[in-house]
Every structure is written in structure tokens, then in C-alpha cells.
Amino acid sequence: MRQESTFFEGAEASLLYIAKSLRDAKDLEDLLTAEGLDYGVETDEYEGGVVFRRTRVGAFFYVLPETRSRAAAFIKSKGYTPSKVE
């Protein structure tokens, strides 16, 4: 279930996935909510492109460190590639 930033106070949120399109972000939100996983999402900038690199905006999905393994395995089973652990 989507959580506000106060949910992560006192804990270091772990980056789970960067959605690069609105459709991708909405689909992932639906999947995480249906699975009952707590997550936070915020927009931020990332660099993209192979030949012509430029700054783009994406939806960054975060989870608590203790649920990251479960959340990563779940989204991987749905065809998403989780972000590498920092």
C-alpha cells in the first residue's frame, strides 16, 4: 500500500525500482498494492539514453529494508527488474 514519507521516518528507505513512464508507474503501484506491500513513491531525476544522455524524470519506488527482498522477488516475478541494492 502506498505510504506517505512519514512512514519512512527513522528508517533508511531502500530504492526498489525506477519507473520511466507513467503507465509503468501506475501498473507497478497496482501490483504492489494488490500484494499488500508498503512502498513510497516520489518523482526524481535520472540520466538516460545511450548515445545522447540527458536528464529525465521518473517515479522512484522505495520500500523498507526489511521488506526489500520480498518486494524485489515479487516485482521480478511480474517482469520488472529491481534496482540494484545500494
Protein backbone atom coordinates (compact mmCIF):
# COMPACT_ATOMS: atom_id res chain seq x y z
CA MET A 1 0.00 0.00 0.00
CA ARG A 2 1.30 3.45 -0.85
CA GLN A 3 2.67 5.26 2.20
CA GLU A 4 3.48 8.88 2.93
CA SER A 5 7.04 9.99 3.69
CA THR A 6 6.33 9.92 7.45
CA PHE A 7 6.10 6.10 7.19
CA PHE A 8 9.84 6.02 6.46
CA GLU A 9 10.91 8.34 9.31
CA GLY A 10 13.67 6.79 11.35
CA ALA A 11 14.45 4.22 8.65
CA GLU A 12 16.54 4.45 5.53
CA ALA A 13 14.25 3.67 2.59
CA SER A 14 15.65 1.28 0.00
CA LEU A 15 15.24 2.03 -3.72
CA LEU A 16 13.24 -0.76 -5.33
CA TYR A 17 12.55 0.43 -8.87
CA ILE A 18 12.61 3.48 -11.15
CA ALA A 19 9.56 3.71 -13.42
CA LYS A 20 10.41 5.61 -16.57
CA SER A 21 6.83 6.08 -17.80
CA LEU A 22 3.54 6.96 -16.17
CA ARG A 23 1.94 3.71 -17.34
CA ASP A 24 4.81 1.69 -15.82
CA ALA A 25 4.46 3.57 -12.51
CA LYS A 26 0.70 3.06 -12.33
CA ASP A 27 0.98 -0.64 -13.18
CA LEU A 28 3.62 -1.17 -10.51
CA GLU A 29 1.55 0.73 -7.94
CA ASP A 30 -1.42 -1.55 -8.67
CA LEU A 31 0.74 -4.68 -8.33
CA LEU A 32 2.38 -3.61 -5.05
CA THR A 33 -0.96 -2.56 -3.56
CA ALA A 34 -2.68 -5.80 -4.56
CA GLU A 35 0.18 -7.77 -2.98
CA GLY A 36 -0.14 -5.76 0.25
CA LEU A 37 3.40 -4.38 0.13
CA ASP A 38 4.10 -1.00 1.74
CA TYR A 39 6.01 1.40 -0.52
CA GLY A 40 6.71 5.04 -1.09
CA VAL A 41 6.98 6.76 -4.45
CA GLU A 42 8.36 10.12 -5.48
CA THR A 43 9.46 11.76 -8.68
CA ASP A 44 13.12 12.45 -9.20
CA GLU A 45 15.62 12.91 -12.00
CA TYR A 46 17.81 10.23 -13.55
CA GLU A 47 20.15 10.15 -16.54
CA GLY A 48 19.02 8.14 -19.52
CA GLY A 49 19.95 7.48 -23.11
CA VAL A 50 22.77 5.55 -24.72
CA VAL A 51 24.18 7.86 -27.36
CA PHE A 52 22.62 11.14 -26.27
CA ARG A 53 22.48 11.20 -22.49
CA ARG A 54 20.01 13.55 -20.92
CA THR A 55 18.21 14.12 -17.66
CA ARG A 56 14.74 12.63 -17.40
CA VAL A 57 12.10 12.39 -14.67
CA GLY A 58 10.90 9.06 -13.29
CA ALA A 59 8.91 7.63 -10.40
CA PHE A 60 11.26 6.22 -7.76
CA PHE A 61 9.73 3.41 -5.67
CA TYR A 62 11.07 2.83 -2.16
CA VAL A 63 10.45 0.14 0.45
CA LEU A 64 11.74 -0.52 3.94
CA PRO A 65 15.00 -2.50 4.01
CA GLU A 66 13.40 -5.44 5.83
CA THR A 67 10.81 -5.93 3.05
CA ARG A 68 13.09 -5.25 0.10
CA SER A 69 13.96 -8.89 -0.64
CA ARG A 70 10.30 -9.91 -0.73
CA ALA A 71 9.29 -6.87 -2.81
CA ALA A 72 12.19 -7.36 -5.26
CA ALA A 73 11.35 -11.05 -5.74
CA PHE A 74 7.70 -10.17 -6.28
CA ILE A 75 8.26 -7.49 -8.92
CA LYS A 76 10.85 -9.67 -10.64
CA SER A 77 8.21 -12.42 -10.93
CA LYS A 78 6.00 -9.85 -12.67
CA GLY A 79 8.64 -8.94 -15.27
CA TYR A 80 10.23 -5.89 -13.62
CA THR A 81 13.95 -5.58 -12.97
CA PRO A 82 14.54 -4.30 -9.41
CA SER A 83 17.17 -1.63 -8.85
CA LYS A 84 20.48 -2.88 -7.55
CA VAL A 85 20.91 -2.67 -3.81
CA GLU A 86 22.80 0.46 -2.87
